[in-house]
Amino acid sequence: MHEPVSLSQTALVIVDLQNDFVDPKGAYGRAGQGAPAIAALPEKIAPLADAMRAKGGWIVSTHFTLVPAKGGEPLISPHLKDLRPFLAKGDFQPGAWGHQLVECLAPADLSVEKIAYSAFYMTRLEWVLRKCDIRRLIFCGIVTNGGVASTVREAHVRDFDVSVLSDGCAAFSQEVHETAIAALRPVCRVTTIAEALADIARG
């Protein structure tokens, strides 16, 4: 069992809720790639983010990134190019509007660029969490079976106290989402936004 940790050592980790994924004007929206459950997430999560801020918790956002190379052309992994052929120059570019956390959840206290499913892979995420003495991570965001699941599993093996919000995550289909949540039960606590809000209210 993990020792009890304070809210000052707790972070809401918002995985990849970026304009290019969520906003209709973003890269995925322009390509007609989206899901109602994904679009609904920011407004559902916002009250929890506000409560975390008010009580001294942390907001950590991860940002899927297409690193621009020569001429600004993005470096795109072959599997992603096959899966999402619409991705183009300027999409998920650091500093650009599409790369940013959606407005209703901003600002984050800590932001980390990521280039793969897991936000721990070749990033500074673990370093900043340890530096800030953050020991408990509450995960939300997209997609449940991709960025969320991969990052949750890596947090677990790094001995963080990990929870995932079953109604604070989404995938491109409800069936995929539910399968991913079920698969995470052995490695983390599965909870809800309402339960997390109640925990914060209790201090």
Protein backbone atom coordinates (compact mmCIF):
# COMPACT_ATOMS: atom_id res chain seq x y z
CA MET A 1 0.00 0.00 0.00
CA HIS A 2 1.09 3.55 -0.73
CA GLU A 3 1.47 5.92 2.18
CA PRO A 4 -1.12 8.73 2.26
CA VAL A 5 -0.02 11.75 0.24
CA SER A 6 -1.21 15.33 0.42
CA LEU A 7 -2.86 17.30 -2.37
CA SER A 8 0.35 19.31 -2.64
CA GLN A 9 1.97 16.03 -3.75
CA THR A 10 -0.85 15.14 -6.14
CA ALA A 11 -1.16 15.93 -9.85
CA LEU A 12 -4.00 15.71 -12.30
CA VAL A 13 -2.22 14.46 -15.43
CA ILE A 14 -4.05 15.59 -18.56
CA VAL A 15 -2.92 13.42 -21.45
CA ASP A 16 -2.90 15.04 -24.89
CA LEU A 17 -6.05 17.19 -24.66
CA GLN A 18 -4.63 19.53 -27.28
CA ASN A 19 -6.32 21.73 -29.83
CA ASP A 20 -5.03 19.64 -32.74
CA PHE A 21 -6.80 16.58 -31.29
CA VAL A 22 -9.96 18.12 -29.85
CA ASP A 23 -10.87 21.42 -31.52
CA PRO A 24 -12.85 21.27 -34.79
CA LYS A 25 -10.25 23.62 -36.31
CA GLY A 26 -7.38 21.34 -35.25
CA ALA A 27 -5.55 18.73 -37.31
CA TYR A 28 -7.92 15.87 -36.42
CA GLY A 29 -11.05 18.02 -36.68
CA ARG A 30 -10.14 19.26 -40.16
CA ALA A 31 -9.66 15.63 -41.21
CA GLY A 32 -13.02 14.59 -39.79
CA GLN A 33 -11.32 12.41 -37.18
CA GLY A 34 -12.97 12.61 -33.80
CA ALA A 35 -15.47 11.13 -31.41
CA PRO A 36 -18.21 12.73 -29.30
CA ALA A 37 -16.74 11.24 -26.12
CA ILE A 38 -13.38 12.88 -26.85
CA ALA A 39 -14.96 16.24 -27.65
CA ALA A 40 -16.89 16.19 -24.37
CA LEU A 41 -13.89 15.51 -22.13
CA PRO A 42 -12.48 19.01 -21.49
CA GLU A 43 -15.74 20.38 -20.05
CA LYS A 44 -16.18 17.25 -17.93
CA ILE A 45 -12.67 17.50 -16.50
CA ALA A 46 -12.62 21.30 -15.97
CA PRO A 47 -14.36 21.27 -12.54
CA LEU A 48 -11.80 18.77 -11.24
CA ALA A 49 -8.89 20.81 -12.59
CA ASP A 50 -10.32 23.92 -10.92
CA ALA A 51 -10.72 22.08 -7.61
CA MET A 52 -7.16 20.77 -7.79
CA ARG A 53 -5.83 24.29 -8.32
CA ALA A 54 -7.94 25.72 -5.50
CA LYS A 55 -6.67 23.12 -3.01
CA GLY A 56 -2.99 23.30 -3.95
CA GLY A 57 -2.70 20.31 -6.28
CA TRP A 58 -0.80 20.26 -9.55
CA ILE A 59 -1.98 20.30 -13.15
CA VAL A 60 0.37 18.44 -15.49
CA SER A 61 -0.28 18.33 -19.23
CA THR A 62 1.34 16.09 -21.81
CA HIS A 63 1.54 17.24 -25.39
CA PHE A 64 1.88 14.91 -28.34
CA THR A 65 4.49 16.50 -30.57
CA LEU A 66 5.55 16.24 -34.19
CA VAL A 67 9.09 17.57 -34.07
CA PRO A 68 9.81 19.86 -37.04
CA ALA A 69 12.99 19.04 -38.94
CA LYS A 70 14.58 20.60 -42.03
CA GLY A 71 12.21 23.03 -43.70
CA GLY A 72 9.73 22.55 -40.89
CA GLU A 73 8.72 19.11 -42.16
CA PRO A 74 7.53 17.01 -39.20
CA LEU A 75 9.23 13.81 -38.14
CA ILE A 76 6.43 11.23 -38.22
CA SER A 77 6.86 7.59 -37.24
CA PRO A 78 5.97 5.16 -40.06
CA HIS A 79 3.13 3.51 -38.09
CA LEU A 80 1.56 6.93 -37.44
CA LYS A 81 1.96 7.99 -41.05
CA ASP A 82 0.05 4.86 -42.07
CA LEU A 83 -2.61 5.38 -39.41
CA ARG A 84 -3.08 9.16 -39.83
CA PRO A 85 -1.97 10.08 -43.37
CA PHE A 86 -3.59 13.53 -43.04
CA LEU A 87 -0.95 14.78 -40.58
CA ALA A 88 1.04 17.57 -42.18
CA LYS A 89 3.54 20.38 -41.68
CA GLY A 90 2.52 22.58 -38.77
CA ASP A 91 0.39 19.96 -37.00
CA PHE A 92 1.30 19.33 -33.33
CA GLN A 93 4.20 21.75 -33.73
CA PRO A 94 5.76 23.05 -30.51
CA GLY A 95 4.58 26.56 -29.76
CA ALA A 96 1.72 26.46 -32.24
CA TRP A 97 -1.95 26.81 -31.26
CA GLY A 98 -2.70 23.20 -32.21
CA HIS A 99 -0.03 21.90 -29.86
CA GLN A 100 -1.46 23.71 -26.83
CA LEU A 101 -3.68 22.41 -24.04
CA VAL A 102 -7.34 23.24 -24.75
CA GLU A 103 -8.31 26.60 -23.29
CA CYS A 104 -10.85 25.44 -20.71
CA LEU A 105 -8.20 23.31 -18.97
CA ALA A 106 -5.30 25.77 -19.23
CA PRO A 107 -2.94 26.70 -17.79
CA ALA A 108 -0.95 23.69 -16.66
CA ASP A 109 1.66 23.99 -13.92
CA LEU A 110 3.95 21.59 -15.75
CA SER A 111 3.88 20.70 -19.45
CA VAL A 112 5.82 17.94 -21.16
CA GLU A 113 6.27 17.29 -24.87
CA LYS A 114 6.01 13.65 -25.89
CA ILE A 115 6.78 11.87 -29.14
CA ALA A 116 5.24 8.45 -28.50
CA TYR A 117 2.33 6.90 -26.64
CA SER A 118 4.00 7.05 -23.24
CA ALA A 119 4.69 10.47 -21.76
CA PHE A 120 7.69 8.95 -19.98
CA TYR A 121 9.45 7.81 -23.17
CA MET A 122 12.47 10.07 -23.78
CA THR A 123 10.90 13.00 -21.89
CA ARG A 124 11.57 14.98 -18.71
CA LEU A 125 8.27 13.92 -17.10
CA GLU A 126 9.72 11.76 -14.32
CA TRP A 127 12.38 14.38 -13.58
CA VAL A 128 9.88 17.22 -13.08
CA LEU A 129 7.53 15.04 -11.01
CA ARG A 130 10.36 14.03 -8.67
CA LYS A 131 11.68 17.60 -8.45
CA CYS A 132 8.24 18.85 -7.41
CA ASP A 133 7.76 15.95 -4.96
CA ILE A 134 4.65 14.78 -6.80
CA ARG A 135 3.86 11.25 -5.68
CA ARG A 136 0.22 10.69 -6.64
CA LEU A 137 -0.96 10.90 -10.25
CA ILE A 138 -4.61 11.06 -11.36
CA PHE A 139 -4.86 10.41 -15.08
CA CYS A 140 -7.36 11.72 -17.61
CA GLY A 141 -7.29 12.46 -21.33
CA ILE A 142 -6.88 10.62 -24.62
CA VAL A 143 -6.81 8.05 -25.91
CA THR A 144 -7.56 5.50 -23.21
CA ASN A 145 -5.91 2.62 -25.06
CA GLY A 146 -2.94 4.70 -26.28
CA GLY A 147 -1.34 7.61 -24.47
CA VAL A 148 -3.30 7.11 -21.26
CA ALA A 149 -2.70 3.36 -20.88
CA SER A 150 0.98 3.54 -21.84
CA THR A 151 1.73 6.40 -19.44
CA VAL A 152 -0.29 4.85 -16.59
CA ARG A 153 1.62 1.58 -16.90
CA GLU A 154 4.98 3.36 -16.85
CA ALA A 155 3.93 5.45 -13.84
CA HIS A 156 3.00 2.24 -12.06
CA VAL A 157 6.40 0.62 -12.58
CA ARG A 158 8.04 3.84 -11.32
CA ASP A 159 6.16 3.43 -8.00
CA PHE A 160 3.88 6.43 -8.27
CA ASP A 161 0.47 6.17 -6.61
CA VAL A 162 -1.66 5.97 -9.75
CA SER A 163 -5.37 6.47 -10.44
CA VAL A 164 -7.21 6.71 -13.74
CA LEU A 165 -10.58 8.42 -14.20
CA SER A 166 -12.85 6.02 -16.06
CA ASP A 167 -15.14 8.90 -17.13
CA GLY A 168 -12.25 11.34 -17.60
CA CYS A 169 -10.71 9.41 -20.49
CA ALA A 170 -11.99 8.51 -23.94
CA ALA A 171 -11.07 6.60 -27.08
CA PHE A 172 -12.43 6.57 -30.62
CA SER A 173 -14.98 3.94 -29.61
CA GLN A 174 -16.67 3.17 -26.29
CA GLU A 175 -15.83 -0.52 -26.58
CA VAL A 176 -12.11 0.20 -26.96
CA HIS A 177 -12.28 2.62 -24.02
CA GLU A 178 -13.97 0.07 -21.73
CA THR A 179 -11.55 -2.69 -22.70
CA ALA A 180 -8.59 -0.43 -21.94
CA ILE A 181 -9.98 0.61 -18.54
CA ALA A 182 -10.59 -3.03 -17.62
CA ALA A 183 -7.01 -3.88 -18.57
CA LEU A 184 -5.68 -1.12 -16.29
CA ARG A 185 -7.45 -2.34 -13.13
CA PRO A 186 -4.56 -4.62 -12.06
CA VAL A 187 -2.03 -1.75 -12.21
CA CYS A 188 -3.90 1.27 -10.85
CA ARG A 189 -6.95 2.52 -9.01
CA VAL A 190 -9.93 3.12 -11.31
CA THR A 191 -12.12 5.96 -10.10
CA THR A 192 -14.45 8.68 -11.40
CA ILE A 193 -14.43 12.46 -11.63
CA ALA A 194 -17.13 12.69 -8.95
CA GLU A 195 -15.15 10.45 -6.60
CA ALA A 196 -11.99 12.47 -7.18
CA LEU A 197 -13.89 15.70 -6.43
CA ALA A 198 -15.23 14.17 -3.22
CA ASP A 199 -11.70 13.13 -2.18
CA ILE A 200 -10.46 16.69 -2.74
CA ALA A 201 -13.35 18.13 -0.73
CA ARG A 202 -12.38 15.85 2.16
CA GLY A 203 -8.81 17.10 1.88
